[in-house]
Amino acid sequence: MPKMKSHSGSKKRFKKMGSGKIKRAKAFRRHHAWAKNGKKIRQLRSGEHFQGTNEKRVQKLLPN
């Protein structure tokens, strides 16, 4: 059976950390900055880790 190809879009969006967790960017940061206060924009800057079932799904898409 041939090897599974890794998902190109996932390679660009997610990063595997040393601990094995997968890091992603937070949503709602792209548009309408005038409607968000500075605190909200600062909090959206930091990344976030996947949790539970979502992490398992994304790990299948990424290369080993």
N, C-alpha and C. Protein backbone atom coordinates (compact mmCIF):
# COMPACT_ATOMS: atom_id res chain seq x y z
N MET A 1 0.84 -1.19 0.00
CA MET A 1 0.00 0.00 0.00
C MET A 1 0.88 1.25 0.00
N PRO A 2 0.56 2.28 -0.82
CA PRO A 2 1.42 3.47 -0.89
C PRO A 2 1.31 4.33 0.36
N LYS A 3 2.30 5.19 0.52
CA LYS A 3 2.30 6.11 1.66
C LYS A 3 1.19 7.13 1.52
N MET A 4 0.69 7.62 2.67
CA MET A 4 -0.31 8.69 2.67
C MET A 4 0.40 10.01 2.38
N LYS A 5 -0.20 10.83 1.55
CA LYS A 5 0.36 12.16 1.30
C LYS A 5 -0.07 13.09 2.42
N SER A 6 0.82 14.01 2.82
CA SER A 6 0.45 14.98 3.84
C SER A 6 -0.33 16.11 3.16
N HIS A 7 -1.23 16.71 3.90
CA HIS A 7 -2.13 17.73 3.39
C HIS A 7 -1.39 19.06 3.27
N SER A 8 -1.29 19.60 2.05
CA SER A 8 -0.48 20.80 1.80
C SER A 8 -0.99 22.01 2.57
N GLY A 9 -2.32 22.17 2.65
CA GLY A 9 -2.88 23.30 3.38
C GLY A 9 -2.58 23.23 4.86
N SER A 10 -2.59 22.03 5.40
CA SER A 10 -2.30 21.86 6.83
C SER A 10 -0.84 22.14 7.14
N LYS A 11 0.05 21.78 6.22
CA LYS A 11 1.47 22.04 6.44
C LYS A 11 1.72 23.53 6.60
N LYS A 12 0.95 24.35 5.86
CA LYS A 12 1.15 25.80 5.91
C LYS A 12 0.51 26.43 7.15
N ARG A 13 -0.53 25.82 7.69
CA ARG A 13 -1.30 26.43 8.77
C ARG A 13 -0.91 25.98 10.17
N PHE A 14 -0.45 24.75 10.30
CA PHE A 14 -0.21 24.19 11.63
C PHE A 14 1.25 23.80 11.79
N LYS A 15 1.71 23.81 13.05
CA LYS A 15 3.09 23.47 13.34
C LYS A 15 3.13 22.48 14.50
N LYS A 16 3.92 21.42 14.33
CA LYS A 16 4.05 20.43 15.39
C LYS A 16 5.12 20.90 16.37
N MET A 17 4.80 20.93 17.66
CA MET A 17 5.72 21.39 18.69
C MET A 17 6.56 20.21 19.19
N GLY A 18 7.58 20.51 19.97
CA GLY A 18 8.45 19.48 20.50
C GLY A 18 7.72 18.50 21.40
N SER A 19 6.69 18.98 22.09
CA SER A 19 5.92 18.13 23.01
C SER A 19 4.97 17.20 22.26
N GLY A 20 4.81 17.42 20.94
CA GLY A 20 3.89 16.61 20.15
C GLY A 20 2.55 17.28 19.92
N LYS A 21 2.30 18.41 20.63
CA LYS A 21 1.06 19.14 20.42
C LYS A 21 1.15 19.92 19.12
N ILE A 22 0.00 20.32 18.61
CA ILE A 22 -0.04 21.05 17.34
C ILE A 22 -0.52 22.47 17.61
N LYS A 23 0.24 23.44 17.11
CA LYS A 23 -0.04 24.85 17.32
C LYS A 23 -0.77 25.41 16.11
N ARG A 24 -1.70 26.33 16.36
CA ARG A 24 -2.43 26.98 15.27
C ARG A 24 -2.62 28.44 15.62
N ALA A 25 -2.97 29.25 14.63
CA ALA A 25 -3.26 30.67 14.85
C ALA A 25 -4.71 30.81 15.29
N LYS A 26 -4.99 31.85 16.06
CA LYS A 26 -6.36 32.10 16.50
C LYS A 26 -7.16 32.77 15.38
N ALA A 27 -8.45 32.58 15.42
CA ALA A 27 -9.35 33.13 14.40
C ALA A 27 -9.77 34.56 14.77
N PHE A 28 -10.46 35.22 13.85
CA PHE A 28 -11.05 36.55 14.05
C PHE A 28 -10.03 37.67 14.18
N ARG A 29 -8.89 37.53 13.48
CA ARG A 29 -7.87 38.57 13.58
C ARG A 29 -7.72 39.37 12.30
N ARG A 30 -8.29 38.91 11.21
CA ARG A 30 -7.97 39.47 9.89
C ARG A 30 -8.62 40.83 9.60
N HIS A 31 -9.91 40.98 9.85
CA HIS A 31 -10.63 42.18 9.42
C HIS A 31 -11.27 42.89 10.62
N HIS A 32 -11.73 44.09 10.36
CA HIS A 32 -12.50 44.89 11.34
C HIS A 32 -11.74 45.12 12.64
N ALA A 33 -10.48 45.53 12.52
CA ALA A 33 -9.69 45.80 13.72
C ALA A 33 -10.27 46.98 14.50
N TRP A 34 -10.96 47.87 13.82
CA TRP A 34 -11.54 49.03 14.50
C TRP A 34 -12.63 48.63 15.49
N ALA A 35 -13.22 47.48 15.29
CA ALA A 35 -14.30 47.04 16.16
C ALA A 35 -13.78 46.26 17.37
N LYS A 36 -12.47 45.95 17.39
CA LYS A 36 -11.89 45.20 18.50
C LYS A 36 -10.97 46.12 19.29
N ASN A 37 -10.99 45.98 20.61
CA ASN A 37 -10.09 46.81 21.40
C ASN A 37 -8.69 46.21 21.42
N GLY A 38 -7.72 46.97 21.92
CA GLY A 38 -6.32 46.55 21.88
C GLY A 38 -6.07 45.26 22.62
N LYS A 39 -6.77 45.08 23.74
CA LYS A 39 -6.59 43.86 24.53
C LYS A 39 -6.95 42.62 23.71
N LYS A 40 -8.06 42.69 23.00
CA LYS A 40 -8.52 41.56 22.19
C LYS A 40 -7.52 41.25 21.08
N ILE A 41 -7.00 42.27 20.41
CA ILE A 41 -6.05 42.07 19.31
C ILE A 41 -4.76 41.45 19.84
N ARG A 42 -4.29 41.90 21.02
CA ARG A 42 -3.09 41.32 21.63
C ARG A 42 -3.29 39.85 21.96
N GLN A 43 -4.46 39.52 22.47
CA GLN A 43 -4.73 38.12 22.84
C GLN A 43 -4.82 37.22 21.61
N LEU A 44 -5.30 37.76 20.50
CA LEU A 44 -5.41 36.97 19.27
C LEU A 44 -4.04 36.72 18.63
N ARG A 45 -3.03 37.53 19.00
CA ARG A 45 -1.71 37.40 18.44
C ARG A 45 -1.05 36.07 18.81
N SER A 46 -1.28 35.62 20.05
CA SER A 46 -0.64 34.39 20.51
C SER A 46 -1.30 33.18 19.87
N GLY A 47 -0.53 32.11 19.72
CA GLY A 47 -1.07 30.90 19.13
C GLY A 47 -1.88 30.10 20.15
N GLU A 48 -2.42 28.99 19.68
CA GLU A 48 -3.22 28.13 20.53
C GLU A 48 -2.98 26.69 20.12
N HIS A 49 -3.20 25.75 21.04
CA HIS A 49 -3.02 24.34 20.74
C HIS A 49 -4.37 23.68 20.48
N PHE A 50 -4.36 22.66 19.63
CA PHE A 50 -5.58 21.88 19.40
C PHE A 50 -5.87 21.04 20.63
N GLN A 51 -7.13 20.68 20.81
CA GLN A 51 -7.51 19.86 21.95
C GLN A 51 -8.37 18.69 21.49
N GLY A 52 -8.19 17.56 22.15
CA GLY A 52 -9.05 16.41 21.97
C GLY A 52 -9.07 15.83 20.56
N THR A 53 -10.27 15.60 20.07
CA THR A 53 -10.46 14.93 18.78
C THR A 53 -9.90 15.74 17.63
N ASN A 54 -9.98 17.06 17.71
CA ASN A 54 -9.45 17.90 16.63
C ASN A 54 -7.97 17.66 16.43
N GLU A 55 -7.24 17.47 17.52
CA GLU A 55 -5.80 17.26 17.41
C GLU A 55 -5.51 15.95 16.67
N LYS A 56 -6.26 14.91 16.94
CA LYS A 56 -6.07 13.63 16.26
C LYS A 56 -6.34 13.76 14.77
N ARG A 57 -7.38 14.53 14.41
CA ARG A 57 -7.73 14.72 13.00
C ARG A 57 -6.61 15.44 12.26
N VAL A 58 -6.06 16.48 12.89
CA VAL A 58 -5.01 17.28 12.23
C VAL A 58 -3.71 16.49 12.14
N GLN A 59 -3.41 15.66 13.13
CA GLN A 59 -2.18 14.88 13.09
C GLN A 59 -2.15 13.92 11.92
N LYS A 60 -3.30 13.45 11.49
CA LYS A 60 -3.36 12.58 10.32
C LYS A 60 -2.99 13.33 9.05
N LEU A 61 -3.25 14.63 9.03
CA LEU A 61 -2.98 15.44 7.84
C LEU A 61 -1.53 15.86 7.72
N LEU A 62 -0.83 15.97 8.86
CA LEU A 62 0.54 16.46 8.85
C LEU A 62 1.55 15.33 8.61
N PRO A 63 2.72 15.67 8.08
CA PRO A 63 3.76 14.64 7.91
C PRO A 63 4.31 14.24 9.27
N ASN A 64 4.93 13.08 9.33
CA ASN A 64 5.44 12.58 10.63
C ASN A 64 6.60 13.35 11.12
